């Protein structure tokens, strides 16, 4: 049971790390270049990813 919880926690943590590693630097670049259309799309992607993470948490 404890190992299942740790496994699920590790999956969630990995997803958050991926978001931080892959998405946030790109978002920072877009902000620096002031491309608001791209920023809006990227923020939508982040919202979707966080929603999936939230669903994983709720389902476990």
PDB file of N, CA and C in Angstrom:
ATOM      1  N   UNK A   1       0.824  -1.188   0.000  1.00  0.00           N
ATOM      2  CA  UNK A   1       0.000   0.000   0.000  1.00  0.00           C
ATOM      3  C   UNK A   1       0.872   1.256   0.000  1.00  0.00           C
ATOM      4  N   UNK A   2       1.845   1.307   0.901  1.00  0.00           N
ATOM      5  CA  UNK A   2       2.729   2.464   0.970  1.00  0.00           C
ATOM      6  C   UNK A   2       3.528   2.617  -0.318  1.00  0.00           C
ATOM      7  N   UNK A   3       3.943   1.486  -0.906  1.00  0.00           N
ATOM      8  CA  UNK A   3       4.705   1.555  -2.151  1.00  0.00           C
ATOM      9  C   UNK A   3       3.829   2.062  -3.294  1.00  0.00           C
ATOM     10  N   UNK A   4       2.538   1.733  -3.281  1.00  0.00           N
ATOM     11  CA  UNK A   4       1.620   2.245  -4.301  1.00  0.00           C
ATOM     12  C   UNK A   4       1.489   3.759  -4.197  1.00  0.00           C
ATOM     13  N   UNK A   5       1.378   4.248  -2.984  1.00  0.00           N
ATOM     14  CA  UNK A   5       1.267   5.689  -2.766  1.00  0.00           C
ATOM     15  C   UNK A   5       2.544   6.381  -3.215  1.00  0.00           C
ATOM     16  N   UNK A   6       3.689   5.801  -2.865  1.00  0.00           N
ATOM     17  CA  UNK A   6       4.962   6.387  -3.279  1.00  0.00           C
ATOM     18  C   UNK A   6       5.081   6.383  -4.794  1.00  0.00           C
ATOM     19  N   UNK A   7       4.668   5.309  -5.436  1.00  0.00           N
ATOM     20  CA  UNK A   7       4.723   5.222  -6.895  1.00  0.00           C
ATOM     21  C   UNK A   7       3.865   6.320  -7.530  1.00  0.00           C
ATOM     22  N   UNK A   8       2.648   6.494  -7.041  1.00  0.00           N
ATOM     23  CA  UNK A   8       1.761   7.527  -7.583  1.00  0.00           C
ATOM     24  C   UNK A   8       2.326   8.917  -7.317  1.00  0.00           C
ATOM     25  N   UNK A   9       2.872   9.124  -6.131  1.00  0.00           N
ATOM     26  CA  UNK A   9       3.491  10.406  -5.809  1.00  0.00           C
ATOM     27  C   UNK A   9       4.657  10.677  -6.744  1.00  0.00           C
ATOM     28  N   UNK A  10       5.473   9.667  -7.003  1.00  0.00           N
ATOM     29  CA  UNK A  10       6.605   9.826  -7.914  1.00  0.00           C
ATOM     30  C   UNK A  10       6.146  10.174  -9.322  1.00  0.00           C
ATOM     31  N   UNK A  11       5.045   9.568  -9.782  1.00  0.00           N
ATOM     32  CA  UNK A  11       4.510   9.883 -11.109  1.00  0.00           C
ATOM     33  C   UNK A  11       4.044  11.339 -11.177  1.00  0.00           C
ATOM     34  N   UNK A  12       3.358  11.787 -10.141  1.00  0.00           N
ATOM     35  CA  UNK A  12       2.884  13.172 -10.097  1.00  0.00           C
ATOM     36  C   UNK A  12       4.067  14.122 -10.040  1.00  0.00           C
ATOM     37  N   UNK A  13       5.039  13.806  -9.209  1.00  0.00           N
ATOM     38  CA  UNK A  13       6.225  14.639  -9.088  1.00  0.00           C
ATOM     39  C   UNK A  13       6.972  14.710 -10.417  1.00  0.00           C
ATOM     40  N   UNK A  14       7.074  13.600 -11.108  1.00  0.00           N
ATOM     41  CA  UNK A  14       7.733  13.561 -12.407  1.00  0.00           C
ATOM     42  C   UNK A  14       7.001  14.439 -13.418  1.00  0.00           C
ATOM     43  N   UNK A  15       5.676  14.390 -13.399  1.00  0.00           N
ATOM     44  CA  UNK A  15       4.891  15.227 -14.310  1.00  0.00           C
ATOM     45  C   UNK A  15       5.116  16.707 -14.021  1.00  0.00           C
ATOM     46  N   UNK A  16       5.163  17.061 -12.742  1.00  0.00           N
ATOM     47  CA  UNK A  16       5.418  18.455 -12.374  1.00  0.00           C
ATOM     48  C   UNK A  16       6.824  18.884 -12.774  1.00  0.00           C
ATOM     49  N   UNK A  17       7.800  18.008 -12.581  1.00  0.00           N
ATOM     50  CA  UNK A  17       9.172  18.321 -12.987  1.00  0.00           C
ATOM     51  C   UNK A  17       9.256  18.519 -14.498  1.00  0.00           C
ATOM     52  N   UNK A  18       8.555  17.676 -15.246  1.00  0.00           N
ATOM     53  CA  UNK A  18       8.534  17.820 -16.700  1.00  0.00           C
ATOM     54  C   UNK A  18       7.928  19.143 -17.121  1.00  0.00           C
ATOM     55  N   UNK A  19       6.873  19.531 -16.447  1.00  0.00           N
ATOM     56  CA  UNK A  19       6.243  20.818 -16.720  1.00  0.00           C
ATOM     57  C   UNK A  19       7.229  21.946 -16.463  1.00  0.00           C
ATOM     58  N   UNK A  20       7.915  21.867 -15.342  1.00  0.00           N
ATOM     59  CA  UNK A  20       8.887  22.900 -14.984  1.00  0.00           C
ATOM     60  C   UNK A  20      10.056  22.915 -15.963  1.00  0.00           C
ATOM     61  N   UNK A  21      10.533  21.746 -16.342  1.00  0.00           N
ATOM     62  CA  UNK A  21      11.703  21.637 -17.204  1.00  0.00           C
ATOM     63  C   UNK A  21      11.391  22.039 -18.646  1.00  0.00           C
ATOM     64  N   UNK A  22      10.262  21.579 -19.167  1.00  0.00           N
ATOM     65  CA  UNK A  22       9.976  21.749 -20.590  1.00  0.00           C
ATOM     66  C   UNK A  22       9.145  22.980 -20.910  1.00  0.00           C
ATOM     67  N   UNK A  23       8.180  23.282 -20.102  1.00  0.00           N
ATOM     68  CA  UNK A  23       7.206  24.305 -20.451  1.00  0.00           C
ATOM     69  C   UNK A  23       7.581  25.686 -19.942  1.00  0.00           C
ATOM     70  N   UNK A  24       8.045  25.795 -18.725  1.00  0.00           N
ATOM     71  CA  UNK A  24       8.307  27.110 -18.157  1.00  0.00           C
ATOM     72  C   UNK A  24       9.417  27.877 -18.877  1.00  0.00           C
ATOM     73  N   UNK A  25      10.521  27.236 -19.292  1.00  0.00           N
ATOM     74  CA  UNK A  25      11.526  27.994 -20.042  1.00  0.00           C
ATOM     75  C   UNK A  25      10.980  28.538 -21.370  1.00  0.00           C
ATOM     76  N   UNK A  26      10.151  27.744 -22.029  1.00  0.00           N
ATOM     77  CA  UNK A  26       9.556  28.198 -23.281  1.00  0.00           C
ATOM     78  C   UNK A  26       8.618  29.372 -23.023  1.00  0.00           C
ATOM     79  N   UNK A  27       7.862  29.301 -21.950  1.00  0.00           N
ATOM     80  CA  UNK A  27       6.966  30.392 -21.584  1.00  0.00           C
ATOM     81  C   UNK A  27       7.771  31.659 -21.284  1.00  0.00           C
ATOM     82  N   UNK A  28       8.880  31.505 -20.593  1.00  0.00           N
ATOM     83  CA  UNK A  28       9.740  32.654 -20.293  1.00  0.00           C
ATOM     84  C   UNK A  28      10.244  33.295 -21.577  1.00  0.00           C
ATOM     85  N   UNK A  29      10.654  32.480 -22.545  1.00  0.00           N
ATOM     86  CA  UNK A  29      11.130  32.998 -23.827  1.00  0.00           C
ATOM     87  C   UNK A  29      10.022  33.773 -24.533  1.00  0.00           C
ATOM     88  N   UNK A  30       8.804  33.238 -24.504  1.00  0.00           N
ATOM     89  CA  UNK A  30       7.675  33.906 -25.148  1.00  0.00           C
ATOM     90  C   UNK A  30       7.385  35.254 -24.491  1.00  0.00           C
ATOM     91  N   UNK A  31       7.463  35.280 -23.175  1.00  0.00           N
ATOM     92  CA  UNK A  31       7.224  36.538 -22.463  1.00  0.00           C
ATOM     93  C   UNK A  31       8.284  37.558 -22.851  1.00  0.00           C
ATOM     94  N   UNK A  32       9.524  37.117 -22.920  1.00  0.00           N
ATOM     95  CA  UNK A  32      10.601  38.021 -23.310  1.00  0.00           C
ATOM     96  C   UNK A  32      10.385  38.560 -24.719  1.00  0.00           C
ATOM     97  N   UNK A  33       9.821  37.741 -25.595  1.00  0.00           N
ATOM     98  CA  UNK A  33       9.572  38.162 -26.970  1.00  0.00           C
ATOM     99  C   UNK A  33       8.192  38.800 -27.133  1.00  0.00           C
ATOM    100  N   UNK A  34       7.400  38.825 -26.075  1.00  0.00           N
ATOM    101  CA  UNK A  34       6.076  39.444 -26.038  1.00  0.00           C
ATOM    102  C   UNK A  34       5.147  38.911 -27.125  1.00  0.00           C
ATOM    103  N   UNK A  35       5.150  37.592 -27.328  1.00  0.00           N
ATOM    104  CA  UNK A  35       4.239  36.972 -28.285  1.00  0.00           C
ATOM    105  C   UNK A  35       3.017  36.481 -27.512  1.00  0.00           C
ATOM    106  N   UNK A  36       2.031  37.334 -27.409  1.00  0.00           N
ATOM    107  CA  UNK A  36       0.884  37.054 -26.542  1.00  0.00           C
ATOM    108  C   UNK A  36       0.045  35.877 -27.019  1.00  0.00           C
ATOM    109  N   UNK A  37      -0.062  35.670 -28.317  1.00  0.00           N
ATOM    110  CA  UNK A  37      -0.817  34.524 -28.828  1.00  0.00           C
ATOM    111  C   UNK A  37      -0.192  33.215 -28.400  1.00  0.00           C
ATOM    112  N   UNK A  38       1.131  33.121 -28.526  1.00  0.00           N
ATOM    113  CA  UNK A  38       1.834  31.907 -28.108  1.00  0.00           C
ATOM    114  C   UNK A  38       1.732  31.715 -26.601  1.00  0.00           C
ATOM    115  N   UNK A  39       1.827  32.807 -25.858  1.00  0.00           N
ATOM    116  CA  UNK A  39       1.734  32.730 -24.398  1.00  0.00           C
ATOM    117  C   UNK A  39       0.374  32.169 -23.993  1.00  0.00           C
ATOM    118  N   UNK A  40      -0.684  32.644 -24.628  1.00  0.00           N
ATOM    119  CA  UNK A  40      -2.029  32.165 -24.310  1.00  0.00           C
ATOM    120  C   UNK A  40      -2.139  30.667 -24.580  1.00  0.00           C
ATOM    121  N   UNK A  41      -1.605  30.202 -25.708  1.00  0.00           N
ATOM    122  CA  UNK A  41      -1.640  28.773 -26.023  1.00  0.00           C
ATOM    123  C   UNK A  41      -0.851  27.962 -25.000  1.00  0.00           C
ATOM    124  N   UNK A  42       0.336  28.438 -24.640  1.00  0.00           N
ATOM    125  CA  UNK A  42       1.183  27.716 -23.691  1.00  0.00           C
ATOM    126  C   UNK A  42       0.523  27.661 -22.319  1.00  0.00           C
ATOM    127  N   UNK A  43      -0.100  28.753 -21.902  1.00  0.00           N
ATOM    128  CA  UNK A  43      -0.806  28.741 -20.620  1.00  0.00           C
ATOM    129  C   UNK A  43      -1.965  27.751 -20.648  1.00  0.00           C
ATOM    130  N   UNK A  44      -2.615  27.619 -21.789  1.00  0.00           N
ATOM    131  CA  UNK A  44      -3.669  26.614 -21.933  1.00  0.00           C
ATOM    132  C   UNK A  44      -3.123  25.207 -21.780  1.00  0.00           C
ATOM    133  N   UNK A  45      -1.930  24.964 -22.362  1.00  0.00           N
ATOM    134  CA  UNK A  45      -1.287  23.655 -22.220  1.00  0.00           C
ATOM    135  C   UNK A  45      -0.963  23.370 -20.758  1.00  0.00           C
ATOM    136  N   UNK A  46      -0.441  24.372 -20.065  1.00  0.00           N
ATOM    137  CA  UNK A  46      -0.107  24.207 -18.646  1.00  0.00           C
ATOM    138  C   UNK A  46      -1.369  23.885 -17.850  1.00  0.00           C
ATOM    139  N   UNK A  47      -2.441  24.601 -18.136  1.00  0.00           N
ATOM    140  CA  UNK A  47      -3.704  24.357 -17.437  1.00  0.00           C
ATOM    141  C   UNK A  47      -4.168  22.922 -17.663  1.00  0.00           C
ATOM    142  N   UNK A  48      -4.067  22.447 -18.905  1.00  0.00           N
ATOM    143  CA  UNK A  48      -4.472  21.074 -19.212  1.00  0.00           C
ATOM    144  C   UNK A  48      -3.618  20.058 -18.456  1.00  0.00           C
ATOM    145  N   UNK A  49      -2.296  20.282 -18.439  1.00  0.00           N
ATOM    146  CA  UNK A  49      -1.401  19.354 -17.745  1.00  0.00           C
ATOM    147  C   UNK A  49      -1.691  19.332 -16.248  1.00  0.00           C
ATOM    148  N   UNK A  50      -1.902  20.509 -15.672  1.00  0.00           N
ATOM    149  CA  UNK A  50      -2.219  20.564 -14.244  1.00  0.00           C
ATOM    150  C   UNK A  50      -3.567  19.907 -13.962  1.00  0.00           C
ATOM    151  N   UNK A  51      -4.504  20.036 -14.888  1.00  0.00           N
ATOM    152  CA  UNK A  51      -5.798  19.370 -14.732  1.00  0.00           C
ATOM    153  C   UNK A  51      -5.652  17.861 -14.716  1.00  0.00           C
ATOM    154  N   UNK A  52      -4.785  17.333 -15.595  1.00  0.00           N
ATOM    155  CA  UNK A  52      -4.557  15.886 -15.618  1.00  0.00           C
ATOM    156  C   UNK A  52      -3.894  15.427 -14.325  1.00  0.00           C
ATOM    157  N   UNK A  53      -2.959  16.221 -13.818  1.00  0.00           N
ATOM    158  CA  UNK A  53      -2.308  15.884 -12.549  1.00  0.00           C
ATOM    159  C   UNK A  53      -3.343  15.892 -11.424  1.00  0.00           C
ATOM    160  N   UNK A  54      -4.207  16.899 -11.428  1.00  0.00           N
ATOM    161  CA  UNK A  54      -5.259  16.974 -10.410  1.00  0.00           C
ATOM    162  C   UNK A  54      -6.173  15.754 -10.485  1.00  0.00           C
ATOM    163  N   UNK A  55      -6.523  15.341 -11.698  1.00  0.00           N
ATOM    164  CA  UNK A  55      -7.365  14.152 -11.862  1.00  0.00           C
ATOM    165  C   UNK A  55      -6.682  12.908 -11.305  1.00  0.00           C
ATOM    166  N   UNK A  56      -5.363  12.781 -11.542  1.00  0.00           N
ATOM    167  CA  UNK A  56      -4.626  11.633 -11.007  1.00  0.00           C
ATOM    168  C   UNK A  56      -4.687  11.624  -9.485  1.00  0.00           C
ATOM    169  N   UNK A  57      -4.542  12.799  -8.904  1.00  0.00           N
ATOM    170  CA  UNK A  57      -4.576  12.895  -7.442  1.00  0.00           C
ATOM    171  C   UNK A  57      -5.954  12.508  -6.919  1.00  0.00           C
ATOM    172  N   UNK A  58      -6.996  13.006  -7.563  1.00  0.00           N
ATOM    173  CA  UNK A  58      -8.361  12.722  -7.113  1.00  0.00           C
ATOM    174  C   UNK A  58      -8.722  11.255  -7.280  1.00  0.00           C
ATOM    175  N   UNK A  59      -8.192  10.613  -8.313  1.00  0.00           N
ATOM    176  CA  UNK A  59      -8.539   9.222  -8.597  1.00  0.00           C
ATOM    177  C   UNK A  59      -7.740   8.224  -7.766  1.00  0.00           C
ATOM    178  N   UNK A  60      -6.791   8.691  -6.990  1.00  0.00           N
ATOM    179  CA  UNK A  60      -5.978   7.759  -6.192  1.00  0.00           C
ATOM    180  C   UNK A  60      -6.139   7.996  -4.744  1.00  0.00           C
TER     181      UNK A  60
END
